[in-house]
C-alpha cells in the first residue's frame, strides 16, 4: 500500500508538471484539471487483462490493481474537491461535503454489516440469494443508486457515489466461499457484460469527431495527450523495480497507462465549467481511447512472454542411505552364498 501510494504521489507530481507545460503551450486552460485527468487508471479495463493472463494473484497483478484503485479513488476525490460542476461552494465547503458524504458511507456500511450478523436476516439472504429474487445483487444496485443520488444531492459528482458503492461492497463482501460464492461472479457478469459495453457505446455516440478533425493542430494533440498519459501513469511504476525487477515494472507501467472512463466523465465536467476547449476535450478522449486499445494489448503480449510469479519450490529431502554394521554385512554375505548354492 505504501509503495502504490508513493507511486500515485509521483504520478500526480509528474501530471502537474505536464499540465503546466501544456498550459504554457496553449493546449489547456487549467494545469490542475489536466493533471487530475491524467492520473486516473481504468481498473475495469486492466483487471480482465490480469485475470485472463493468470497474473491476478501475482505480485505484479496485486501492485497494478492496488495502484489503479488508488488512482481511481484519488482522481475522483480530487475532481470532486476542486472541480465539482454541480456545486458553487468553495473548496473548503466541498471538503466539508466530502466529509459528510464519507460519514454517510461509513454509517451505511456499519448498518449493513450489523444487519448481516443477524441470524434471521442471514437465513433470509441465503434463501433468496440464488432464486429469482437475487437479493444480494439487487441490494448492490440499491447501494449504487443510493450513493450516486446522495452524491448528486450534496453537490458532488455522481461518479464518486458509484465508486463509494463499489468500495463498500468490496469491504463488506469478504466471505466469498461460505454464504454466497457466486456473488462477485454475478456482479462481474453484469458489469463486464452489460454496463461496460454500454459505457463504451455511449462514449462513442457522444464523441465529438467534428471538434477532433477541425484542424491539423487538433489532431496533433492526440499523440501529445497519449504521451502525457504514458508519462504520468507509466513512469511512477519505476518505484516497483526493487520488488518486480525492471522488465515487469515496465509492464506494470504500461498497464497503468490505461484510462478512458474517467477521462470521458472529467472532460464533460471540464466543458461545463469552461476549463477545457472542445478540441482539447476531444483530443483527451481520443488519447484515452488509444490507451485502452494499445496499453492492455501490449501489456498482455509482454506478460505472455514471461512466466507468472510462482513460489520457489522447496527442495526435496535427500534420501539417507542406511548404515550397516559388521554383523549386518556378514549376514548379507552369508545370504548371498546360500542363494548362489
C-alpha atoms as a PDB file:
ATOM      1  CA  UNK A   1       0.000   0.000   0.000  1.00  0.00           C
ATOM      2  CA  UNK A   2       2.808   2.434   0.843  1.00  0.00           C
ATOM      3  CA  UNK A   3       4.533   1.666  -2.447  1.00  0.00           C
ATOM      4  CA  UNK A   4       1.407   2.250  -4.532  1.00  0.00           C
ATOM      5  CA  UNK A   5       0.582   5.426  -2.569  1.00  0.00           C
ATOM      6  CA  UNK A   6       4.099   6.667  -3.301  1.00  0.00           C
ATOM      7  CA  UNK A   7       3.564   5.823  -6.952  1.00  0.00           C
ATOM      8  CA  UNK A   8       0.365   7.874  -7.026  1.00  0.00           C
ATOM      9  CA  UNK A   9       2.125  10.847  -5.407  1.00  0.00           C
ATOM     10  CA  UNK A  10       4.880  10.649  -8.015  1.00  0.00           C
ATOM     11  CA  UNK A  11       2.233  10.303 -10.746  1.00  0.00           C
ATOM     12  CA  UNK A  12       0.402  13.413  -9.586  1.00  0.00           C
ATOM     13  CA  UNK A  13       3.650  15.410  -9.401  1.00  0.00           C
ATOM     14  CA  UNK A  14       4.527  14.378 -12.972  1.00  0.00           C
ATOM     15  CA  UNK A  15       0.988  15.193 -14.117  1.00  0.00           C
ATOM     16  CA  UNK A  16       1.228  18.680 -12.581  1.00  0.00           C
ATOM     17  CA  UNK A  17       4.448  19.325 -14.496  1.00  0.00           C
ATOM     18  CA  UNK A  18       2.853  18.062 -17.710  1.00  0.00           C
ATOM     19  CA  UNK A  19      -0.213  20.231 -17.074  1.00  0.00           C
ATOM     20  CA  UNK A  20       1.957  23.311 -16.604  1.00  0.00           C
ATOM     21  CA  UNK A  21       3.784  22.520 -19.836  1.00  0.00           C
ATOM     22  CA  UNK A  22       0.531  22.007 -21.777  1.00  0.00           C
ATOM     23  CA  UNK A  23      -0.837  25.247 -20.336  1.00  0.00           C
ATOM     24  CA  UNK A  24       2.300  27.125 -21.393  1.00  0.00           C
ATOM     25  CA  UNK A  25       1.891  25.693 -24.897  1.00  0.00           C
ATOM     26  CA  UNK A  26      -1.711  26.879 -25.080  1.00  0.00           C
ATOM     27  CA  UNK A  27      -3.192  23.381 -25.235  1.00  0.00           C
ATOM     28  CA  UNK A  28      -5.161  23.521 -21.968  1.00  0.00           C
ATOM     29  CA  UNK A  29      -6.595  26.207 -19.698  1.00  0.00           C
ATOM     30  CA  UNK A  30      -6.180  24.644 -16.252  1.00  0.00           C
ATOM     31  CA  UNK A  31      -2.993  22.699 -15.393  1.00  0.00           C
ATOM     32  CA  UNK A  32      -4.564  21.283 -12.220  1.00  0.00           C
ATOM     33  CA  UNK A  33      -7.616  19.981 -14.077  1.00  0.00           C
ATOM     34  CA  UNK A  34      -5.479  18.267 -16.717  1.00  0.00           C
ATOM     35  CA  UNK A  35      -3.241  16.795 -14.001  1.00  0.00           C
ATOM     36  CA  UNK A  36      -6.269  15.232 -12.301  1.00  0.00           C
ATOM     37  CA  UNK A  37      -7.465  13.849 -15.637  1.00  0.00           C
ATOM     38  CA  UNK A  38      -4.078  12.264 -16.355  1.00  0.00           C
ATOM     39  CA  UNK A  39      -3.599  10.395 -13.046  1.00  0.00           C
ATOM     40  CA  UNK A  40      -6.580   8.031 -13.402  1.00  0.00           C
ATOM     41  CA  UNK A  41      -6.311   4.372 -14.432  1.00  0.00           C
ATOM     42  CA  UNK A  42      -9.178   2.265 -15.794  1.00  0.00           C
ATOM     43  CA  UNK A  43      -9.312  -0.619 -13.324  1.00  0.00           C
ATOM     44  CA  UNK A  44     -12.267  -2.115 -15.206  1.00  0.00           C
ATOM     45  CA  UNK A  45     -10.051  -2.490 -18.296  1.00  0.00           C
ATOM     46  CA  UNK A  46      -6.840  -3.599 -16.565  1.00  0.00           C
ATOM     47  CA  UNK A  47      -8.486  -6.189 -14.281  1.00  0.00           C
ATOM     48  CA  UNK A  48      -9.672  -8.551 -17.086  1.00  0.00           C
ATOM     49  CA  UNK A  49      -6.211  -8.438 -18.697  1.00  0.00           C
ATOM     50  CA  UNK A  50      -4.521  -9.538 -15.483  1.00  0.00           C
ATOM     51  CA  UNK A  51      -7.189 -12.139 -14.769  1.00  0.00           C
ATOM     52  CA  UNK A  52      -7.184 -13.693 -18.232  1.00  0.00           C
ATOM     53  CA  UNK A  53      -3.371 -13.834 -18.313  1.00  0.00           C
ATOM     54  CA  UNK A  54      -3.188 -15.619 -14.959  1.00  0.00           C
ATOM     55  CA  UNK A  55      -1.396 -12.742 -13.230  1.00  0.00           C
ATOM     56  CA  UNK A  56      -4.219 -11.585 -10.982  1.00  0.00           C
ATOM     57  CA  UNK A  57      -2.616 -13.131  -7.872  1.00  0.00           C
ATOM     58  CA  UNK A  58       0.973 -12.349  -8.780  1.00  0.00           C
ATOM     59  CA  UNK A  59       2.971  -9.547  -7.204  1.00  0.00           C
ATOM     60  CA  UNK A  60       2.652  -7.568 -10.439  1.00  0.00           C
ATOM     61  CA  UNK A  61      -1.110  -8.046 -10.524  1.00  0.00           C
ATOM     62  CA  UNK A  62      -1.553  -7.061  -6.899  1.00  0.00           C
ATOM     63  CA  UNK A  63       0.531  -3.908  -7.350  1.00  0.00           C
ATOM     64  CA  UNK A  64      -1.230  -2.851 -10.543  1.00  0.00           C
ATOM     65  CA  UNK A  65      -4.687  -3.414  -9.056  1.00  0.00           C
ATOM     66  CA  UNK A  66      -3.779  -1.526  -5.879  1.00  0.00           C
ATOM     67  CA  UNK A  67      -2.242   1.323  -7.880  1.00  0.00           C
ATOM     68  CA  UNK A  68      -5.255   1.521 -10.208  1.00  0.00           C
ATOM     69  CA  UNK A  69      -7.651   1.544  -7.238  1.00  0.00           C
ATOM     70  CA  UNK A  70      -5.745   4.364  -5.533  1.00  0.00           C
ATOM     71  CA  UNK A  71      -5.530   6.279  -8.821  1.00  0.00           C
ATOM     72  CA  UNK A  72      -9.279   5.944  -9.434  1.00  0.00           C
ATOM     73  CA  UNK A  73     -10.162   6.916  -5.888  1.00  0.00           C
ATOM     74  CA  UNK A  74      -7.665   9.772  -5.753  1.00  0.00           C
ATOM     75  CA  UNK A  75      -8.674  11.274  -9.096  1.00  0.00           C
ATOM     76  CA  UNK A  76     -12.375  11.148  -8.213  1.00  0.00           C
ATOM     77  CA  UNK A  77     -11.763  12.774  -4.824  1.00  0.00           C
ATOM     78  CA  UNK A  78      -9.575  15.481  -6.353  1.00  0.00           C
ATOM     79  CA  UNK A  79     -12.072  16.175  -9.122  1.00  0.00           C
ATOM     80  CA  UNK A  80     -14.951  16.404  -6.647  1.00  0.00           C
ATOM     81  CA  UNK A  81     -12.891  18.618  -4.335  1.00  0.00           C
ATOM     82  CA  UNK A  82     -11.625  21.166  -6.850  1.00  0.00           C
ATOM     83  CA  UNK A  83     -13.918  20.967  -9.886  1.00  0.00           C
ATOM     84  CA  UNK A  84     -17.382  19.849  -8.846  1.00  0.00           C
ATOM     85  CA  UNK A  85     -19.641  21.128 -11.594  1.00  0.00           C
ATOM     86  CA  UNK A  86     -22.830  20.943  -9.509  1.00  0.00           C
ATOM     87  CA  UNK A  87     -21.670  22.988  -6.524  1.00  0.00           C
ATOM     88  CA  UNK A  88     -20.904  26.697  -6.280  1.00  0.00           C
ATOM     89  CA  UNK A  89     -19.375  26.356  -2.818  1.00  0.00           C
ATOM     90  CA  UNK A  90     -15.710  26.999  -2.078  1.00  0.00           C
ATOM     91  CA  UNK A  91     -13.046  24.324  -1.823  1.00  0.00           C
ATOM     92  CA  UNK A  92     -13.411  24.334   1.970  1.00  0.00           C
ATOM     93  CA  UNK A  93     -17.166  23.867   1.582  1.00  0.00           C
ATOM     94  CA  UNK A  94     -16.650  20.952  -0.801  1.00  0.00           C
ATOM     95  CA  UNK A  95     -14.245  19.412   1.693  1.00  0.00           C
ATOM     96  CA  UNK A  96     -16.974  19.577   4.335  1.00  0.00           C
ATOM     97  CA  UNK A  97     -19.422  17.992   1.892  1.00  0.00           C
ATOM     98  CA  UNK A  98     -16.924  15.227   1.190  1.00  0.00           C
ATOM     99  CA  UNK A  99     -16.620  14.617   4.909  1.00  0.00           C
ATOM    100  CA  UNK A 100     -20.405  14.417   5.285  1.00  0.00           C
ATOM    101  CA  UNK A 101     -20.641  12.061   2.328  1.00  0.00           C
ATOM    102  CA  UNK A 102     -17.853   9.874   3.722  1.00  0.00           C
ATOM    103  CA  UNK A 103     -19.564   9.762   7.122  1.00  0.00           C
ATOM    104  CA  UNK A 104     -22.823   8.689   5.461  1.00  0.00           C
ATOM    105  CA  UNK A 105     -20.991   5.897   3.621  1.00  0.00           C
ATOM    106  CA  UNK A 106     -19.401   4.702   6.868  1.00  0.00           C
ATOM    107  CA  UNK A 107     -22.755   4.720   8.697  1.00  0.00           C
ATOM    108  CA  UNK A 108     -24.423   2.753   5.902  1.00  0.00           C
ATOM    109  CA  UNK A 109     -21.555   0.273   5.931  1.00  0.00           C
ATOM    110  CA  UNK A 110     -21.823  -0.219   9.695  1.00  0.00           C
ATOM    111  CA  UNK A 111     -25.587  -0.673   9.410  1.00  0.00           C
ATOM    112  CA  UNK A 112     -25.259  -3.253   6.615  1.00  0.00           C
ATOM    113  CA  UNK A 113     -22.516  -5.149   8.445  1.00  0.00           C
ATOM    114  CA  UNK A 114     -24.593  -5.214  11.631  1.00  0.00           C
ATOM    115  CA  UNK A 115     -27.673  -6.396   9.751  1.00  0.00           C
ATOM    116  CA  UNK A 116     -25.757  -9.243   8.123  1.00  0.00           C
ATOM    117  CA  UNK A 117     -24.738 -10.521  11.566  1.00  0.00           C
ATOM    118  CA  UNK A 118     -28.374 -11.101  12.383  1.00  0.00           C
ATOM    119  CA  UNK A 119     -29.063 -14.837  12.171  1.00  0.00           C
ATOM    120  CA  UNK A 120     -32.619 -14.422  10.937  1.00  0.00           C
ATOM    121  CA  UNK A 121     -31.606 -11.934   8.223  1.00  0.00           C
ATOM    122  CA  UNK A 122     -28.688 -14.144   7.163  1.00  0.00           C
ATOM    123  CA  UNK A 123     -31.035 -17.092   6.699  1.00  0.00           C
ATOM    124  CA  UNK A 124     -33.323 -14.949   4.538  1.00  0.00           C
ATOM    125  CA  UNK A 125     -30.387 -13.740   2.424  1.00  0.00           C
ATOM    126  CA  UNK A 126     -29.092 -17.275   1.892  1.00  0.00           C
ATOM    127  CA  UNK A 127     -32.563 -18.470   0.957  1.00  0.00           C
ATOM    128  CA  UNK A 128     -33.177 -15.700  -1.603  1.00  0.00           C
ATOM    129  CA  UNK A 129     -29.691 -15.042  -2.981  1.00  0.00           C
ATOM    130  CA  UNK A 130     -29.797 -17.700  -5.720  1.00  0.00           C
ATOM    131  CA  UNK A 131     -33.508 -17.562  -6.504  1.00  0.00           C
ATOM    132  CA  UNK A 132     -35.179 -15.209  -8.970  1.00  0.00           C
ATOM    133  CA  UNK A 133     -35.130 -12.585  -6.197  1.00  0.00           C
ATOM    134  CA  UNK A 134     -31.301 -12.296  -6.461  1.00  0.00           C
ATOM    135  CA  UNK A 135     -31.475 -10.342  -3.230  1.00  0.00           C
ATOM    136  CA  UNK A 136     -27.766  -9.602  -2.853  1.00  0.00           C
ATOM    137  CA  UNK A 137     -27.385  -8.362  -6.422  1.00  0.00           C
ATOM    138  CA  UNK A 138     -30.418  -6.111  -6.001  1.00  0.00           C
ATOM    139  CA  UNK A 139     -29.010  -4.820  -2.715  1.00  0.00           C
ATOM    140  CA  UNK A 140     -25.770  -3.953  -4.520  1.00  0.00           C
ATOM    141  CA  UNK A 141     -27.698  -1.949  -7.107  1.00  0.00           C
ATOM    142  CA  UNK A 142     -29.648  -0.242  -4.323  1.00  0.00           C
ATOM    143  CA  UNK A 143     -26.347   0.891  -2.788  1.00  0.00           C
ATOM    144  CA  UNK A 144     -25.180   2.123  -6.183  1.00  0.00           C
ATOM    145  CA  UNK A 145     -28.329   4.148  -6.841  1.00  0.00           C
ATOM    146  CA  UNK A 146     -28.490   5.461  -3.284  1.00  0.00           C
ATOM    147  CA  UNK A 147     -24.886   6.680  -3.144  1.00  0.00           C
ATOM    148  CA  UNK A 148     -24.992   8.279  -6.591  1.00  0.00           C
ATOM    149  CA  UNK A 149     -28.206  10.088  -5.647  1.00  0.00           C
ATOM    150  CA  UNK A 150     -26.662  11.195  -2.342  1.00  0.00           C
ATOM    151  CA  UNK A 151     -23.533  12.488  -4.071  1.00  0.00           C
ATOM    152  CA  UNK A 152     -25.592  14.458  -6.568  1.00  0.00           C
ATOM    153  CA  UNK A 153     -27.870  15.879  -3.867  1.00  0.00           C
ATOM    154  CA  UNK A 154     -24.948  17.323  -1.875  1.00  0.00           C
ATOM    155  CA  UNK A 155     -23.334  18.824  -4.956  1.00  0.00           C
ATOM    156  CA  UNK A 156     -20.637  16.211  -5.625  1.00  0.00           C
ATOM    157  CA  UNK A 157     -20.046  14.161  -8.746  1.00  0.00           C
ATOM    158  CA  UNK A 158     -22.124  11.031  -9.253  1.00  0.00           C
ATOM    159  CA  UNK A 159     -19.011   9.008 -10.131  1.00  0.00           C
ATOM    160  CA  UNK A 160     -17.931   9.489  -6.519  1.00  0.00           C
ATOM    161  CA  UNK A 161     -21.141   7.807  -5.351  1.00  0.00           C
ATOM    162  CA  UNK A 162     -20.666   4.899  -7.747  1.00  0.00           C
ATOM    163  CA  UNK A 163     -17.089   4.405  -6.616  1.00  0.00           C
ATOM    164  CA  UNK A 164     -18.111   4.564  -2.947  1.00  0.00           C
ATOM    165  CA  UNK A 165     -20.729   1.853  -3.522  1.00  0.00           C
ATOM    166  CA  UNK A 166     -18.167  -0.441  -5.124  1.00  0.00           C
ATOM    167  CA  UNK A 167     -15.589   0.189  -2.416  1.00  0.00           C
ATOM    168  CA  UNK A 168     -18.148  -0.504   0.326  1.00  0.00           C
ATOM    169  CA  UNK A 169     -19.214  -3.755  -1.325  1.00  0.00           C
ATOM    170  CA  UNK A 170     -15.586  -4.825  -1.580  1.00  0.00           C
ATOM    171  CA  UNK A 171     -15.091  -4.221   2.141  1.00  0.00           C
ATOM    172  CA  UNK A 172     -18.318  -5.912   3.230  1.00  0.00           C
ATOM    173  CA  UNK A 173     -18.186  -8.926   0.923  1.00  0.00           C
ATOM    174  CA  UNK A 174     -15.162 -10.782   2.269  1.00  0.00           C
ATOM    175  CA  UNK A 175     -16.953 -14.119   2.788  1.00  0.00           C
ATOM    176  CA  UNK A 176     -16.505 -15.497  -0.721  1.00  0.00           C
ATOM    177  CA  UNK A 177     -16.823 -19.223  -0.056  1.00  0.00           C
ATOM    178  CA  UNK A 178     -19.472 -19.866   2.618  1.00  0.00           C
ATOM    179  CA  UNK A 179     -22.536 -17.674   2.152  1.00  0.00           C
ATOM    180  CA  UNK A 180     -22.575 -16.593  -1.481  1.00  0.00           C
ATOM    181  CA  UNK A 181     -19.616 -17.801  -3.564  1.00  0.00           C
ATOM    182  CA  UNK A 182     -21.182 -16.579  -6.845  1.00  0.00           C
ATOM    183  CA  UNK A 183     -21.944 -13.013  -5.725  1.00  0.00           C
ATOM    184  CA  UNK A 184     -18.877 -11.366  -7.237  1.00  0.00           C
ATOM    185  CA  UNK A 185     -19.145 -13.557 -10.317  1.00  0.00           C
ATOM    186  CA  UNK A 186     -22.673 -12.247 -10.879  1.00  0.00           C
ATOM    187  CA  UNK A 187     -21.584  -8.639 -10.420  1.00  0.00           C
ATOM    188  CA  UNK A 188     -18.681  -9.159 -12.832  1.00  0.00           C
ATOM    189  CA  UNK A 189     -21.081 -10.655 -15.378  1.00  0.00           C
ATOM    190  CA  UNK A 190     -23.372  -7.637 -15.130  1.00  0.00           C
ATOM    191  CA  UNK A 191     -20.503  -5.159 -15.158  1.00  0.00           C
ATOM    192  CA  UNK A 192     -18.347  -6.611 -17.932  1.00  0.00           C
ATOM    193  CA  UNK A 193     -21.285  -7.984 -19.910  1.00  0.00           C
ATOM    194  CA  UNK A 194     -23.688  -5.046 -19.754  1.00  0.00           C
ATOM    195  CA  UNK A 195     -22.556  -1.777 -18.227  1.00  0.00           C
ATOM    196  CA  UNK A 196     -19.025  -1.530 -19.607  1.00  0.00           C
ATOM    197  CA  UNK A 197     -20.124  -2.226 -23.222  1.00  0.00           C
ATOM    198  CA  UNK A 198     -22.967   0.290 -22.806  1.00  0.00           C
ATOM    199  CA  UNK A 199     -20.497   2.853 -21.489  1.00  0.00           C
ATOM    200  CA  UNK A 200     -18.194   2.454 -24.474  1.00  0.00           C
ATOM    201  CA  UNK A 201     -21.097   2.613 -26.925  1.00  0.00           C
ATOM    202  CA  UNK A 202     -22.392   5.766 -25.218  1.00  0.00           C
ATOM    203  CA  UNK A 203     -18.912   7.273 -25.212  1.00  0.00           C
ATOM    204  CA  UNK A 204     -18.644   6.626 -28.939  1.00  0.00           C
ATOM    205  CA  UNK A 205     -22.024   8.237 -29.610  1.00  0.00           C
ATOM    206  CA  UNK A 206     -21.148  11.366 -27.647  1.00  0.00           C
ATOM    207  CA  UNK A 207     -17.600  11.648 -29.014  1.00  0.00           C
ATOM    208  CA  UNK A 208     -17.146  14.950 -30.854  1.00  0.00           C
ATOM    209  CA  UNK A 209     -15.465  13.910 -34.093  1.00  0.00           C
ATOM    210  CA  UNK A 210     -16.055  17.304 -35.690  1.00  0.00           C
ATOM    211  CA  UNK A 211     -14.055  19.031 -32.962  1.00  0.00           C
ATOM    212  CA  UNK A 212     -11.272  16.444 -33.254  1.00  0.00           C
ATOM    213  CA  UNK A 213     -10.876  16.804 -37.025  1.00  0.00           C
ATOM    214  CA  UNK A 214     -11.480  20.548 -37.128  1.00  0.00           C
ATOM    215  CA  UNK A 215      -7.799  21.232 -37.820  1.00  0.00           C
ATOM    216  CA  UNK A 216      -4.434  19.555 -38.098  1.00  0.00           C
ATOM    217  CA  UNK A 217      -3.276  21.065 -34.811  1.00  0.00           C
ATOM    218  CA  UNK A 218      -6.219  19.459 -33.027  1.00  0.00           C
ATOM    219  CA  UNK A 219      -5.341  16.033 -34.416  1.00  0.00           C
ATOM    220  CA  UNK A 220      -1.727  16.585 -33.375  1.00  0.00           C
ATOM    221  CA  UNK A 221      -2.873  16.906 -29.767  1.00  0.00           C
ATOM    222  CA  UNK A 222      -3.914  13.244 -29.642  1.00  0.00           C
ATOM    223  CA  UNK A 223      -0.393  11.726 -29.643  1.00  0.00           C
ATOM    224  CA  UNK A 224       0.712  14.522 -27.303  1.00  0.00           C
ATOM    225  CA  UNK A 225      -2.022  13.673 -24.792  1.00  0.00           C
ATOM    226  CA  UNK A 226      -1.324   9.941 -25.214  1.00  0.00           C
ATOM    227  CA  UNK A 227       2.330  10.574 -24.368  1.00  0.00           C
ATOM    228  CA  UNK A 228       1.196  12.598 -21.348  1.00  0.00           C
ATOM    229  CA  UNK A 229      -0.904   9.660 -20.094  1.00  0.00           C
ATOM    230  CA  UNK A 230       2.009   7.278 -20.572  1.00  0.00           C
ATOM    231  CA  UNK A 231       4.417   9.547 -18.705  1.00  0.00           C
ATOM    232  CA  UNK A 232       2.027  10.392 -15.874  1.00  0.00           C
ATOM    233  CA  UNK A 233       0.972   6.795 -15.207  1.00  0.00           C
ATOM    234  CA  UNK A 234       3.847   4.757 -16.639  1.00  0.00           C
ATOM    235  CA  UNK A 235       6.911   6.424 -15.141  1.00  0.00           C
ATOM    236  CA  UNK A 236       5.758   6.035 -11.495  1.00  0.00           C
ATOM    237  CA  UNK A 237       5.880   2.250 -11.952  1.00  0.00           C
ATOM    238  CA  UNK A 238       9.655   2.522 -11.669  1.00  0.00           C
ATOM    239  CA  UNK A 239       9.181   2.597  -7.888  1.00  0.00           C
ATOM    240  CA  UNK A 240       8.326  -1.129  -8.204  1.00  0.00           C
ATOM    241  CA  UNK A 241      11.773  -2.053  -9.570  1.00  0.00           C
ATOM    242  CA  UNK A 242      13.089  -3.442  -6.287  1.00  0.00           C
ATOM    243  CA  UNK A 243      10.067  -5.703  -5.917  1.00  0.00           C
ATOM    244  CA  UNK A 244       9.357  -6.700  -9.526  1.00  0.00           C
ATOM    245  CA  UNK A 245      12.522  -6.034 -11.472  1.00  0.00           C
ATOM    246  CA  UNK A 246      12.875  -3.631 -14.370  1.00  0.00           C
ATOM    247  CA  UNK A 247      11.060  -5.629 -17.081  1.00  0.00           C
ATOM    248  CA  UNK A 248       7.941  -6.370 -15.034  1.00  0.00           C
ATOM    249  CA  UNK A 249       7.904  -2.821 -13.681  1.00  0.00           C
ATOM    250  CA  UNK A 250       7.774  -1.562 -17.260  1.00  0.00           C
ATOM    251  CA  UNK A 251       4.852  -3.917 -17.935  1.00  0.00           C
ATOM    252  CA  UNK A 252       3.106  -2.566 -14.834  1.00  0.00           C
ATOM    253  CA  UNK A 253       3.662   0.978 -16.103  1.00  0.00           C
ATOM    254  CA  UNK A 254       2.189   0.109 -19.498  1.00  0.00           C
ATOM    255  CA  UNK A 255      -0.913  -1.391 -17.871  1.00  0.00           C
ATOM    256  CA  UNK A 256      -1.302   1.577 -15.542  1.00  0.00           C
ATOM    257  CA  UNK A 257      -1.276   3.915 -18.548  1.00  0.00           C
ATOM    258  CA  UNK A 258      -4.820   2.829 -19.443  1.00  0.00           C
ATOM    259  CA  UNK A 259      -7.559   5.381 -18.924  1.00  0.00           C
ATOM    260  CA  UNK A 260     -10.842   6.218 -20.618  1.00  0.00           C
ATOM    261  CA  UNK A 261     -13.982   6.214 -18.401  1.00  0.00           C
ATOM    262  CA  UNK A 262     -12.668   8.880 -16.041  1.00  0.00           C
ATOM    263  CA  UNK A 263     -11.382  10.979 -18.949  1.00  0.00           C
ATOM    264  CA  UNK A 264     -14.823  10.919 -20.575  1.00  0.00           C
ATOM    265  CA  UNK A 265     -16.574  11.943 -17.345  1.00  0.00           C
ATOM    266  CA  UNK A 266     -13.973  14.553 -16.392  1.00  0.00           C
ATOM    267  CA  UNK A 267     -13.878  16.238 -19.801  1.00  0.00           C
ATOM    268  CA  UNK A 268     -17.665  16.642 -19.720  1.00  0.00           C
ATOM    269  CA  UNK A 269     -17.307  18.440 -16.381  1.00  0.00           C
ATOM    270  CA  UNK A 270     -14.445  20.487 -17.790  1.00  0.00           C
ATOM    271  CA  UNK A 271     -16.577  21.567 -20.743  1.00  0.00           C
ATOM    272  CA  UNK A 272     -19.394  22.641 -18.414  1.00  0.00           C
ATOM    273  CA  UNK A 273     -17.010  24.716 -16.293  1.00  0.00           C
ATOM    274  CA  UNK A 274     -15.104  26.141 -19.259  1.00  0.00           C
ATOM    275  CA  UNK A 275     -11.848  24.536 -18.120  1.00  0.00           C
ATOM    276  CA  UNK A 276     -11.105  22.809 -21.414  1.00  0.00           C
ATOM    277  CA  UNK A 277     -11.941  23.562 -25.048  1.00  0.00           C
ATOM    278  CA  UNK A 278     -13.950  21.185 -27.189  1.00  0.00           C
ATOM    279  CA  UNK A 279     -10.853  20.430 -29.258  1.00  0.00           C
ATOM    280  CA  UNK A 280      -8.759  19.552 -26.203  1.00  0.00           C
ATOM    281  CA  UNK A 281     -11.619  17.520 -24.719  1.00  0.00           C
ATOM    282  CA  UNK A 282     -11.927  15.522 -27.943  1.00  0.00           C
ATOM    283  CA  UNK A 283      -8.151  15.064 -28.041  1.00  0.00           C
ATOM    284  CA  UNK A 284      -8.059  13.788 -24.452  1.00  0.00           C
ATOM    285  CA  UNK A 285     -10.876  11.314 -25.099  1.00  0.00           C
ATOM    286  CA  UNK A 286      -9.186  10.099 -28.301  1.00  0.00           C
ATOM    287  CA  UNK A 287      -5.909   9.660 -26.413  1.00  0.00           C
ATOM    288  CA  UNK A 288      -7.741   7.717 -23.707  1.00  0.00           C
ATOM    289  CA  UNK A 289      -9.345   5.522 -26.344  1.00  0.00           C
ATOM    290  CA  UNK A 290      -5.941   4.772 -27.850  1.00  0.00           C
ATOM    291  CA  UNK A 291      -4.542   3.956 -24.405  1.00  0.00           C
ATOM    292  CA  UNK A 292      -7.336   1.425 -23.861  1.00  0.00           C
ATOM    293  CA  UNK A 293      -6.580  -0.175 -27.217  1.00  0.00           C
ATOM    294  CA  UNK A 294      -2.773  -0.113 -27.065  1.00  0.00           C
ATOM    295  CA  UNK A 295      -1.717  -0.498 -23.426  1.00  0.00           C
ATOM    296  CA  UNK A 296      -3.676  -3.663 -22.461  1.00  0.00           C
ATOM    297  CA  UNK A 297      -2.747  -5.432 -25.722  1.00  0.00           C
ATOM    298  CA  UNK A 298       0.924  -4.503 -25.365  1.00  0.00           C
ATOM    299  CA  UNK A 299       0.988  -5.416 -21.682  1.00  0.00           C
ATOM    300  CA  UNK A 300      -0.729  -8.750 -22.336  1.00  0.00           C
ATOM    301  CA  UNK A 301       1.730  -9.574 -25.102  1.00  0.00           C
ATOM    302  CA  UNK A 302       4.690  -8.857 -22.824  1.00  0.00           C
ATOM    303  CA  UNK A 303       3.137 -10.858 -19.980  1.00  0.00           C
ATOM    304  CA  UNK A 304       2.707 -13.912 -22.190  1.00  0.00           C
ATOM    305  CA  UNK A 305       6.432 -13.873 -22.921  1.00  0.00           C
ATOM    306  CA  UNK A 306       7.214 -14.124 -19.239  1.00  0.00           C
ATOM    307  CA  UNK A 307       6.338 -16.701 -16.667  1.00  0.00           C
ATOM    308  CA  UNK A 308       3.940 -15.524 -13.955  1.00  0.00           C
ATOM    309  CA  UNK A 309       5.258 -15.151 -10.448  1.00  0.00           C
ATOM    310  CA  UNK A 310       5.457 -18.521  -8.803  1.00  0.00           C
ATOM    311  CA  UNK A 311       6.656 -19.602  -5.434  1.00  0.00           C
ATOM    312  CA  UNK A 312      10.109 -21.149  -5.309  1.00  0.00           C
ATOM    313  CA  UNK A 313       9.647 -24.914  -4.907  1.00  0.00           C
ATOM    314  CA  UNK A 314      11.072 -26.414  -1.795  1.00  0.00           C
ATOM    315  CA  UNK A 315      13.976 -28.805  -2.302  1.00  0.00           C
ATOM    316  CA  UNK A 316      13.125 -32.414  -1.747  1.00  0.00           C
ATOM    317  CA  UNK A 317      14.974 -34.086   1.145  1.00  0.00           C
ATOM    318  CA  UNK A 318      17.993 -36.154   0.117  1.00  0.00           C
ATOM    319  CA  UNK A 319      17.357 -39.835   0.826  1.00  0.00           C
ATOM    320  CA  UNK A 320      19.601 -41.234   3.544  1.00  0.00           C
ATOM    321  CA  UNK A 321      21.431 -44.487   2.908  1.00  0.00           C
ATOM    322  CA  UNK A 322      21.143 -46.990   5.770  1.00  0.00           C
ATOM    323  CA  UNK A 323      24.297 -47.529   7.790  1.00  0.00           C
ATOM    324  CA  UNK A 324      25.164 -51.281   8.018  1.00  0.00           C
ATOM    325  CA  UNK A 325      27.059 -52.768  10.915  1.00  0.00           C
ATOM    326  CA  UNK A 326      29.733 -55.520  10.600  1.00  0.00           C
ATOM    327  CA  UNK A 327      27.225 -58.184  11.683  1.00  0.00           C
ATOM    328  CA  UNK A 328      24.730 -56.997   9.077  1.00  0.00           C
ATOM    329  CA  UNK A 329      27.362 -57.206   6.341  1.00  0.00           C
ATOM    330  CA  UNK A 330      28.316 -60.729   7.442  1.00  0.00           C
ATOM    331  CA  UNK A 331      24.687 -61.862   7.313  1.00  0.00           C
ATOM    332  CA  UNK A 332      24.302 -60.342   3.848  1.00  0.00           C
ATOM    333  CA  UNK A 333      27.358 -62.235   2.548  1.00  0.00           C
ATOM    334  CA  UNK A 334      26.067 -65.491   4.049  1.00  0.00           C
ATOM    335  CA  UNK A 335      22.708 -64.940   2.421  1.00  0.00           C
ATOM    336  CA  UNK A 336      24.395 -64.319  -0.950  1.00  0.00           C
ATOM    337  CA  UNK A 337      26.379 -67.588  -0.609  1.00  0.00           C
ATOM    338  CA  UNK A 338      23.262 -69.591   0.208  1.00  0.00           C
ATOM    339  CA  UNK A 339      21.449 -68.054  -2.737  1.00  0.00           C
ATOM    340  CA  UNK A 340      24.294 -68.979  -5.076  1.00  0.00           C
ATOM    341  CA  UNK A 341      24.311 -72.572  -3.767  1.00  0.00           C
END
